[in-house]
Amino acid sequence: MTASGYSQLSPSDGATAPVAAWPAPTTEAPVHATVTVPGSKSLTNRKLVLAALADGPSTLAAPLHSDDSARMIEALRTLGVEIEELPPTGPYGPDLHITPPAAFRGDVVIDCGQAGTVMRFIAPLAGLAHGDVTITAHESALHRPMGVMIKALRELGVDIDDGGNWALPFTIKGRGHIRGGEVTIDASTSSQFVSGLLLAAPRYDVGLHLLHSGARLPSVPHIDMTVEALARRGVHVEHENPHEWLVPAGAPRGRDAMVEPDLSNAAPFLAAAILTGGAVTIPGWPATSTQPGALLTEILTLMGARASRRGGALTVAAGDRIAGVDLDLTAASELTPTLFALAAFADAPSTLHGIGHIRGHETDRIAALVSNLRAIGGDAEELPDGIRITPAPLHGGLWKAHHDHRIATAGAVIGLRVPGVEVDDIGTTAKTMPEFPQLWHAMLQADGVS
């Protein structure tokens, strides 16, 4: 069977009305399904920003339509970018035609919601506006690290009023241009600081010479994605050293682009195949990709699954066992919740490390995963830079999403094998995949799962 669907979404208003817990469906039958997942959030928001900074119009085919992408679209429209909906290329909503303004509009307020990419990609370009740009976020996201960006922009000549808090909300005093030049940052807490600066850098007066001073740099594939996206628009970043980038001045080219499926959002569906002894196929899986989710084929094989490609699709089938693993997820930390859920059913303990920075995501993901698993009988331990999972018998109970889409989907994965698991807010998946509940049920319906 095939699972696909589309849900048009506007940015959520952050309302906190009570929602009913979502009973995670359980199955004893092998899942055999083809699941078409929506476009990549990371690629969509990068391509939107570059289109807004370009020297002419662009068209974006098969973009993601979710809360995060809606926030980015709203932010760019607020700055004066024209974004028009076109007939869709794929099953998940309209394509987009983006026309950059002659100048970015100032004296505006931008609400990032819970979108880290919006706060960290809009701030570096807001100084190009003619007037003040106030950047804020949903209350639950105001804790997310922004001090690194504020300091960097000040060193590049941007005037910022943050009330001395080094955090959201803050106001950027736009002067219609940003000097640019050399700046050193410590991006150990998020690679988005690097990506945000690189995306805006071509429009700086003298470009950007960016250096990272920290001992480690998380999610390098996301930075590679940014560099590749710039190159596709004619901006060639010099990157001879791992922690150094040189971006020349000059507007990116307007061009048409297609968005790949979100490979990390495919992870829960592939995990369903492994947990149930079945097989799941994801159409449109790219032969090569800078998405961290591209590492799933290697990682799931290490855990005992079988992965194969045919006709542009990836199929993952269950193996004879789910193997315990020791994984360094520095490059693919967003896969942690799904891999954590799989590890809870492995034949040996697992350690996931290189992920200390995910404590600063939508929630402290390490603490949330460990507390949730313990609440349903599991054995997990927080480590300074990761998690150790020792498989143990599990029982039903409440799985708290903590306003985090990936924590919510991890609860759905565990619920496949554990009756009575209820996710308290499955709606938080709208951040990157509003269709998740429908796709999950559709994947299971062929096997008669209720």
Protein backbone atom coordinates (compact mmCIF):
# COMPACT_ATOMS: atom_id res chain seq x y z
CA MET A 1 0.00 0.00 0.00
CA THR A 2 1.01 3.64 -0.41
CA ALA A 3 0.81 6.32 2.25
CA SER A 4 0.73 9.96 1.21
CA GLY A 5 -1.35 13.04 1.92
CA TYR A 6 -1.29 16.80 2.24
CA SER A 7 -2.29 19.22 4.95
CA GLN A 8 -2.11 22.96 4.25
CA LEU A 9 -0.65 24.69 7.29
CA SER A 10 -0.28 28.23 8.49
CA PRO A 11 2.09 29.09 11.35
CA SER A 12 0.60 27.98 14.63
CA ASP A 13 -0.12 30.71 17.14
CA GLY A 14 1.48 28.81 19.99
CA ALA A 15 -1.86 28.29 21.74
CA THR A 16 -1.72 25.98 24.72
CA ALA A 17 -5.26 24.58 24.65
CA PRO A 18 -5.38 21.04 26.07
CA VAL A 19 -5.17 18.27 23.50
CA ALA A 20 -6.19 14.65 23.86
CA ALA A 21 -3.40 12.11 24.13
CA TRP A 22 -2.84 10.10 20.94
CA PRO A 23 -3.04 6.31 21.41
CA ALA A 24 -0.03 4.97 19.52
CA PRO A 25 -1.20 2.05 17.35
CA THR A 26 0.27 -1.37 18.09
CA THR A 27 0.73 -4.23 15.64
CA GLU A 28 1.84 -7.85 15.77
CA ALA A 29 1.81 -8.08 11.96
CA PRO A 30 4.75 -7.17 9.72
CA VAL A 31 4.38 -3.74 8.15
CA HIS A 32 4.74 -3.71 4.36
CA ALA A 33 4.21 -0.24 2.92
CA THR A 34 5.42 2.44 0.55
CA VAL A 35 5.48 5.83 2.26
CA THR A 36 5.98 9.08 0.36
CA VAL A 37 7.39 11.61 2.82
CA PRO A 38 7.16 15.40 2.39
CA GLY A 39 10.08 17.62 1.41
CA SER A 40 13.09 18.34 3.58
CA LYS A 41 12.63 21.12 6.12
CA SER A 42 16.34 21.91 6.13
CA LEU A 43 16.51 22.19 2.34
CA THR A 44 13.22 24.08 2.05
CA ASN A 45 14.22 26.82 4.47
CA ARG A 46 17.72 27.19 3.01
CA LYS A 47 16.35 27.44 -0.52
CA LEU A 48 13.73 29.97 0.58
CA VAL A 49 16.37 32.22 2.15
CA LEU A 50 18.67 32.03 -0.87
CA ALA A 51 15.76 32.76 -3.21
CA ALA A 52 14.93 35.84 -1.13
CA LEU A 53 18.54 37.05 -1.40
CA ALA A 54 18.89 36.25 -5.10
CA ASP A 55 19.32 38.56 -8.08
CA GLY A 56 16.03 37.45 -9.63
CA PRO A 57 12.96 35.24 -9.19
CA SER A 58 13.11 31.54 -8.29
CA THR A 59 10.67 28.64 -8.25
CA LEU A 60 10.76 25.99 -5.54
CA ALA A 61 9.20 22.63 -6.46
CA ALA A 62 7.89 20.16 -3.84
CA PRO A 63 8.78 22.31 -0.81
CA LEU A 64 7.82 21.28 2.68
CA HIS A 65 4.59 22.79 4.02
CA SER A 66 4.85 22.63 7.81
CA ASP A 67 4.91 25.00 10.75
CA ASP A 68 8.66 25.63 10.37
CA SER A 69 8.45 26.38 6.64
CA ALA A 70 5.30 28.47 7.13
CA ARG A 71 7.21 30.52 9.71
CA MET A 72 10.02 31.09 7.22
CA ILE A 73 7.60 32.09 4.47
CA GLU A 74 5.82 34.48 6.84
CA ALA A 75 9.16 36.00 7.95
CA LEU A 76 10.33 36.59 4.38
CA ARG A 77 6.98 38.05 3.34
CA THR A 78 7.18 40.40 6.33
CA LEU A 79 10.53 41.62 4.96
CA GLY A 80 8.93 42.33 1.59
CA VAL A 81 9.64 39.12 -0.33
CA GLU A 82 6.84 38.09 -2.73
CA ILE A 83 6.01 34.39 -2.41
CA GLU A 84 3.30 33.06 -4.72
CA GLU A 85 1.76 29.59 -4.64
CA LEU A 86 1.83 27.57 -7.88
CA PRO A 87 0.19 24.26 -8.89
CA PRO A 88 1.89 21.42 -7.00
CA THR A 89 4.59 19.13 -8.36
CA GLY A 90 4.04 16.53 -5.63
CA PRO A 91 1.29 15.38 -3.24
CA TYR A 92 2.11 17.75 -0.39
CA GLY A 93 0.97 21.17 -1.45
CA PRO A 94 1.82 23.99 -3.83
CA ASP A 95 5.13 24.87 -5.42
CA LEU A 96 6.39 28.38 -4.65
CA HIS A 97 7.50 31.30 -6.82
CA ILE A 98 9.78 33.70 -4.92
CA THR A 99 10.53 37.26 -6.05
CA PRO A 100 13.12 39.20 -4.01
CA PRO A 101 12.33 42.83 -3.12
CA ALA A 102 14.47 45.75 -4.26
CA ALA A 103 15.17 46.27 -0.56
CA PHE A 104 14.13 44.44 2.59
CA ARG A 105 11.39 46.18 4.56
CA GLY A 106 12.13 47.41 8.08
CA ASP A 107 10.07 48.46 11.10
CA VAL A 108 8.62 44.95 11.35
CA VAL A 109 8.29 42.15 13.90
CA ILE A 110 9.11 38.54 13.02
CA ASP A 111 7.78 35.69 15.16
CA CYS A 112 9.88 32.55 14.65
CA GLY A 113 7.53 30.28 16.58
CA GLN A 114 9.64 27.27 17.58
CA ALA A 115 11.72 27.24 14.39
CA GLY A 116 15.46 27.31 15.03
CA THR A 117 16.21 27.73 11.33
CA VAL A 118 14.04 30.85 11.18
CA MET A 119 15.63 32.60 14.15
CA ARG A 120 19.17 31.69 13.03
CA PHE A 121 18.71 32.25 9.30
CA ILE A 122 16.68 35.48 9.45
CA ALA A 123 18.85 37.28 12.03
CA PRO A 124 21.98 37.37 9.78
CA LEU A 125 20.06 39.02 6.93
CA ALA A 126 17.82 41.32 8.99
CA GLY A 127 20.50 44.03 9.06
CA LEU A 128 20.00 44.39 5.30
CA ALA A 129 16.53 45.83 5.98
CA HIS A 130 15.82 49.55 5.98
CA GLY A 131 14.63 49.96 9.56
CA ASP A 132 14.25 47.97 12.76
CA VAL A 133 13.57 44.24 12.66
CA THR A 134 12.42 42.74 15.96
CA ILE A 135 12.85 38.97 16.18
CA THR A 136 10.93 36.98 18.77
CA ALA A 137 9.66 33.42 19.23
CA HIS A 138 7.17 31.25 21.05
CA GLU A 139 7.71 31.28 24.81
CA SER A 140 8.95 27.67 24.74
CA ALA A 141 11.70 28.63 22.24
CA LEU A 142 13.05 31.77 23.90
CA HIS A 143 15.64 29.62 25.73
CA ARG A 144 17.26 28.43 22.51
CA PRO A 145 20.86 29.65 22.19
CA MET A 146 21.25 32.89 20.21
CA GLY A 147 24.15 34.60 21.98
CA VAL A 148 26.65 33.27 19.45
CA MET A 149 24.72 34.90 16.61
CA ILE A 150 24.22 38.21 18.43
CA LYS A 151 27.96 38.49 19.17
CA ALA A 152 28.94 37.57 15.60
CA LEU A 153 26.58 40.07 14.00
CA ARG A 154 27.81 42.86 16.26
CA GLU A 155 31.38 42.10 15.22
CA LEU A 156 30.25 42.30 11.58
CA GLY A 157 28.87 45.81 12.13
CA VAL A 158 25.22 45.13 12.98
CA ASP A 159 23.56 47.20 15.73
CA ILE A 160 21.46 44.94 17.98
CA ASP A 161 19.39 45.79 21.05
CA ASP A 162 18.95 42.63 23.12
CA GLY A 163 18.49 44.29 26.50
CA GLY A 164 21.75 42.72 27.64
CA ASN A 165 20.20 39.24 27.63
CA TRP A 166 22.06 37.70 24.66
CA ALA A 167 18.80 35.99 23.77
CA LEU A 168 15.47 36.42 22.02
CA PRO A 169 13.66 38.72 21.69
CA PHE A 170 15.98 41.34 20.22
CA THR A 171 15.84 44.18 17.69
CA ILE A 172 18.25 44.57 14.78
CA LYS A 173 18.74 48.16 13.60
CA GLY A 174 18.70 47.63 9.85
CA ARG A 175 20.73 50.07 7.76
CA GLY A 176 20.23 48.53 4.34
CA HIS A 177 23.63 46.87 4.31
CA ILE A 178 26.00 44.79 6.46
CA ARG A 179 29.74 45.36 6.34
CA GLY A 180 30.80 41.74 6.76
CA GLY A 181 34.44 40.70 7.04
CA GLU A 182 36.12 38.24 9.38
CA VAL A 183 34.46 36.77 12.46
CA THR A 184 35.19 33.82 14.74
CA ILE A 185 32.39 31.93 16.49
CA ASP A 186 31.98 28.85 18.65
CA ALA A 187 29.20 26.86 16.97
CA SER A 188 29.47 23.86 19.30
CA THR A 189 25.83 24.26 20.33
CA SER A 190 24.41 24.41 16.79
CA SER A 191 25.65 24.25 13.22
CA GLN A 192 22.78 26.59 12.35
CA PHE A 193 24.95 29.53 13.42
CA VAL A 194 27.40 28.65 10.66
CA SER A 195 24.69 28.01 8.08
CA GLY A 196 22.79 31.21 8.87
CA LEU A 197 25.88 33.38 8.43
CA LEU A 198 26.95 31.58 5.25
CA LEU A 199 23.50 32.01 3.67
CA ALA A 200 23.43 35.78 4.20
CA ALA A 201 27.14 36.38 3.54
CA PRO A 202 26.98 36.90 -0.26
CA ARG A 203 24.93 40.05 0.35
CA TYR A 204 27.43 41.52 2.83
CA ASP A 205 29.53 44.42 1.51
CA VAL A 206 32.81 42.47 1.59
CA GLY A 207 31.50 38.93 1.98
CA LEU A 208 32.46 36.83 4.99
CA HIS A 209 35.49 35.05 6.41
CA LEU A 210 34.02 32.73 9.05
CA LEU A 211 36.01 30.64 11.52
CA HIS A 212 34.78 28.14 14.12
CA SER A 213 36.82 28.06 17.34
CA GLY A 214 35.16 25.20 19.22
CA ALA A 215 36.64 21.76 19.73
CA ARG A 216 33.71 20.09 17.98
CA LEU A 217 31.24 21.04 15.28
CA PRO A 218 27.90 19.21 15.28
CA SER A 219 25.76 18.31 12.27
CA VAL A 220 28.44 18.95 9.65
CA PRO A 221 26.17 17.53 6.88
CA HIS A 222 23.85 20.49 7.44
CA ILE A 223 26.76 22.88 6.81
CA ASP A 224 27.70 20.89 3.71
CA MET A 225 24.07 21.26 2.62
CA THR A 226 24.34 25.04 2.98
CA VAL A 227 27.60 25.20 1.02
CA GLU A 228 26.08 23.06 -1.75
CA ALA A 229 22.94 25.20 -1.88
CA LEU A 230 25.09 28.32 -2.28
CA ALA A 231 27.15 26.68 -5.02
CA ARG A 232 24.00 25.82 -6.97
CA ARG A 233 23.27 29.54 -7.07
CA GLY A 234 26.74 30.55 -8.22
CA VAL A 235 28.27 31.34 -4.82
CA HIS A 236 31.38 29.22 -4.37
CA VAL A 237 32.51 28.98 -0.75
CA GLU A 238 36.20 28.36 -0.12
CA HIS A 239 36.38 25.65 2.53
CA GLU A 240 39.87 24.19 2.56
CA ASN A 241 39.96 23.83 6.36
CA PRO A 242 37.19 22.01 8.31
CA HIS A 243 36.47 25.01 10.53
CA GLU A 244 36.91 27.88 8.07
CA TRP A 245 34.72 29.30 5.27
CA LEU A 246 35.35 32.20 2.88
CA VAL A 247 32.27 33.56 1.09
CA PRO A 248 32.68 36.16 -1.68
CA ALA A 249 30.34 39.14 -2.03
CA GLY A 250 27.78 38.95 -4.82
CA ALA A 251 24.08 38.12 -4.92
CA PRO A 252 23.10 34.47 -5.41
CA ARG A 253 21.47 33.70 -8.76
CA GLY A 254 17.75 33.25 -9.07
CA ARG A 255 17.00 29.71 -10.22
CA ASP A 256 14.42 26.93 -10.09
CA ALA A 257 15.02 24.12 -7.63
CA MET A 258 13.47 20.85 -6.45
CA VAL A 259 13.35 19.84 -2.78
CA GLU A 260 14.38 16.30 -1.81
CA PRO A 261 12.16 14.25 0.53
CA ASP A 262 13.02 14.72 4.20
CA LEU A 263 15.18 11.67 4.92
CA SER A 264 15.21 12.19 8.68
CA ASN A 265 11.41 12.28 8.72
CA ALA A 266 11.49 8.94 6.90
CA ALA A 267 13.33 7.41 9.88
CA PRO A 268 10.26 6.47 12.00
CA PHE A 269 8.66 4.69 9.03
CA LEU A 270 11.84 2.72 8.30
CA ALA A 271 12.05 1.87 12.00
CA ALA A 272 8.50 0.49 11.78
CA ALA A 273 9.68 -2.06 9.23
CA ILE A 274 12.49 -3.20 11.51
CA LEU A 275 10.37 -3.42 14.67
CA THR A 276 7.55 -5.38 13.03
CA GLY A 277 9.58 -7.72 10.83
CA GLY A 278 8.37 -6.07 7.64
CA ALA A 279 9.65 -3.79 4.88
CA VAL A 280 9.04 -0.11 4.09
CA THR A 281 9.91 1.66 0.84
CA ILE A 282 10.56 5.41 0.55
CA PRO A 283 10.25 6.72 -3.04
CA GLY A 284 12.50 9.52 -4.25
CA TRP A 285 15.45 8.62 -2.04
CA PRO A 286 18.40 10.51 -3.57
CA ALA A 287 21.48 8.62 -4.73
CA THR A 288 23.62 11.17 -2.88
CA SER A 289 22.52 13.78 -0.38
CA THR A 290 23.91 16.18 2.20
CA GLN A 291 20.94 15.43 4.48
CA PRO A 292 22.01 13.71 7.72
CA GLY A 293 19.19 11.23 7.11
CA ALA A 294 21.21 9.81 4.22
CA LEU A 295 23.26 8.03 6.90
CA LEU A 296 20.21 5.91 7.80
CA THR A 297 21.09 3.18 5.30
CA GLU A 298 24.46 2.64 6.97
CA ILE A 299 23.18 2.97 10.53
CA LEU A 300 20.14 0.71 10.12
CA THR A 301 22.32 -1.92 8.47
CA LEU A 302 24.59 -1.82 11.52
CA MET A 303 21.49 -2.49 13.62
CA GLY A 304 20.71 -5.62 11.62
CA ALA A 305 18.35 -4.37 8.91
CA ARG A 306 18.69 -4.87 5.16
CA ALA A 307 18.69 -1.82 2.89
CA SER A 308 18.35 -1.85 -0.90
CA ARG A 309 17.80 0.70 -3.66
CA ARG A 310 15.76 0.21 -6.81
CA GLY A 311 14.34 2.70 -9.27
CA GLY A 312 15.10 5.73 -7.10
CA ALA A 313 13.49 4.24 -3.99
CA LEU A 314 15.00 2.93 -0.76
CA THR A 315 13.59 -0.20 0.89
CA VAL A 316 14.53 -1.17 4.43
CA ALA A 317 13.59 -4.66 5.58
CA ALA A 318 13.91 -6.25 8.99
CA GLY A 319 16.80 -8.61 9.59
CA ASP A 320 17.01 -11.55 11.96
CA ARG A 321 17.75 -9.31 14.94
CA ILE A 322 17.96 -5.73 16.15
CA ALA A 323 21.57 -5.32 17.17
CA GLY A 324 22.79 -3.15 20.00
CA VAL A 325 25.17 -0.48 18.72
CA ASP A 326 27.74 2.10 19.78
CA LEU A 327 27.08 5.10 17.52
CA ASP A 328 28.75 8.48 17.21
CA LEU A 329 25.87 10.65 15.98
CA THR A 330 27.74 13.96 15.88
CA ALA A 331 26.92 14.28 12.18
CA ALA A 332 23.32 13.06 12.45
CA SER A 333 22.02 13.95 15.90
CA GLU A 334 18.47 14.52 14.63
CA LEU A 335 18.21 10.75 14.12
CA THR A 336 18.74 10.16 17.85
CA PRO A 337 15.07 9.82 18.93
CA THR A 338 14.24 7.17 16.32
CA LEU A 339 17.46 5.22 16.91
CA PHE A 340 16.86 5.46 20.67
CA ALA A 341 13.43 3.89 20.15
CA LEU A 342 14.92 1.04 18.11
CA ALA A 343 17.67 0.50 20.66
CA ALA A 344 15.04 -0.11 23.35
CA PHE A 345 14.21 -3.38 21.53
CA ALA A 346 17.75 -4.46 20.63
CA ASP A 347 19.41 -7.70 21.70
CA ALA A 348 22.14 -5.85 23.61
CA PRO A 349 22.75 -2.43 25.19
CA SER A 350 23.42 0.57 22.94
CA THR A 351 25.27 3.84 23.40
CA LEU A 352 24.47 6.94 21.36
CA HIS A 353 27.06 9.69 21.77
CA GLY A 354 28.28 12.89 20.16
CA ILE A 355 24.86 14.40 20.84
CA GLY A 356 25.33 16.68 23.85
CA HIS A 357 24.14 19.66 21.79
CA ILE A 358 20.62 18.22 21.42
CA ARG A 359 19.96 19.33 24.99
CA GLY A 360 19.43 22.77 23.41
CA HIS A 361 16.90 21.78 20.75
CA GLU A 362 13.12 22.18 21.11
CA THR A 363 13.62 20.51 24.47
CA ASP A 364 16.49 18.76 26.23
CA ARG A 365 16.13 15.71 24.01
CA ILE A 366 18.46 13.54 26.06
CA ALA A 367 16.55 14.14 29.30
CA ALA A 368 13.17 13.80 27.56
CA LEU A 369 14.01 10.45 25.95
CA VAL A 370 15.48 8.99 29.12
CA SER A 371 12.61 10.11 31.37
CA ASN A 372 9.98 8.87 28.91
CA LEU A 373 11.54 5.43 28.56
CA ARG A 374 11.98 5.04 32.32
CA ALA A 375 8.32 5.98 32.81
CA ILE A 376 7.24 2.93 30.78
CA GLY A 377 9.64 0.50 32.42
CA GLY A 378 12.76 1.04 30.30
CA ASP A 379 16.38 1.34 31.33
CA ALA A 380 18.24 4.37 29.99
CA GLU A 381 21.00 6.53 31.39
CA GLU A 382 21.99 10.09 30.59
CA LEU A 383 25.65 10.50 29.69
CA PRO A 384 27.54 13.81 29.43
CA ASP A 385 27.50 13.55 25.64
CA GLY A 386 24.83 10.96 24.97
CA ILE A 387 22.60 8.13 26.20
CA ARG A 388 23.04 4.49 27.14
CA ILE A 389 20.05 2.20 26.56
CA THR A 390 19.73 -1.25 28.11
CA PRO A 391 16.76 -3.19 26.68
CA ALA A 392 14.13 -4.10 29.26
CA PRO A 393 10.44 -5.13 29.27
CA LEU A 394 8.20 -2.13 28.61
CA HIS A 395 4.59 -1.32 29.50
CA GLY A 396 2.07 1.26 28.39
CA GLY A 397 1.93 4.78 29.70
CA LEU A 398 2.06 8.45 28.79
CA TRP A 399 4.84 9.54 26.43
CA LYS A 400 5.52 13.28 26.82
CA ALA A 401 6.40 15.09 23.59
CA HIS A 402 7.79 18.20 25.32
CA HIS A 403 6.80 20.35 22.29
CA ASP A 404 9.31 18.34 20.23
CA HIS A 405 8.29 16.68 16.97
CA ARG A 406 11.03 14.04 17.09
CA ILE A 407 10.26 13.05 20.68
CA ALA A 408 6.63 12.58 19.62
CA THR A 409 7.50 10.31 16.68
CA ALA A 410 9.82 8.25 18.90
CA GLY A 411 6.79 7.52 21.08
CA ALA A 412 4.88 6.35 18.01
CA VAL A 413 7.72 3.96 17.12
CA ILE A 414 7.82 2.45 20.60
CA GLY A 415 4.03 2.14 20.60
CA LEU A 416 4.20 -0.28 17.68
CA ARG A 417 5.49 -2.94 20.07
CA VAL A 418 4.10 -1.74 23.41
CA PRO A 419 0.32 -1.63 23.91
CA GLY A 420 -1.03 1.37 25.79
CA VAL A 421 1.56 4.01 24.87
CA GLU A 422 -0.10 7.41 24.51
CA VAL A 423 1.70 10.44 23.07
CA ASP A 424 0.46 13.52 24.90
CA ASP A 425 0.80 15.89 21.92
CA ILE A 426 1.16 14.23 18.53
CA GLY A 427 0.18 17.58 17.00
CA THR A 428 3.70 18.86 17.64
CA THR A 429 4.76 16.83 14.58
CA ALA A 430 3.25 19.69 12.53
CA LYS A 431 6.58 21.45 13.05
CA THR A 432 8.10 19.44 10.20
CA MET A 433 5.47 16.88 9.11
CA PRO A 434 1.83 17.80 9.78
CA GLU A 435 0.69 14.67 7.95
CA PHE A 436 2.51 12.33 10.36
CA PRO A 437 -0.53 10.86 12.20
CA GLN A 438 -2.37 10.19 8.94
CA LEU A 439 0.71 8.71 7.26
CA TRP A 440 1.39 6.50 10.29
CA HIS A 441 -2.12 5.08 10.32
CA ALA A 442 -2.12 4.68 6.52
CA MET A 443 1.14 2.73 6.72
CA LEU A 444 -0.47 0.31 9.16
CA GLN A 445 -3.94 -0.02 7.65
CA ALA A 446 -2.91 -2.67 5.12
CA ASP A 447 -2.16 -4.95 8.04
CA GLY A 448 -5.46 -4.34 9.76
CA VAL A 449 -4.01 -2.37 12.64
CA SER A 450 -6.48 -0.28 14.63
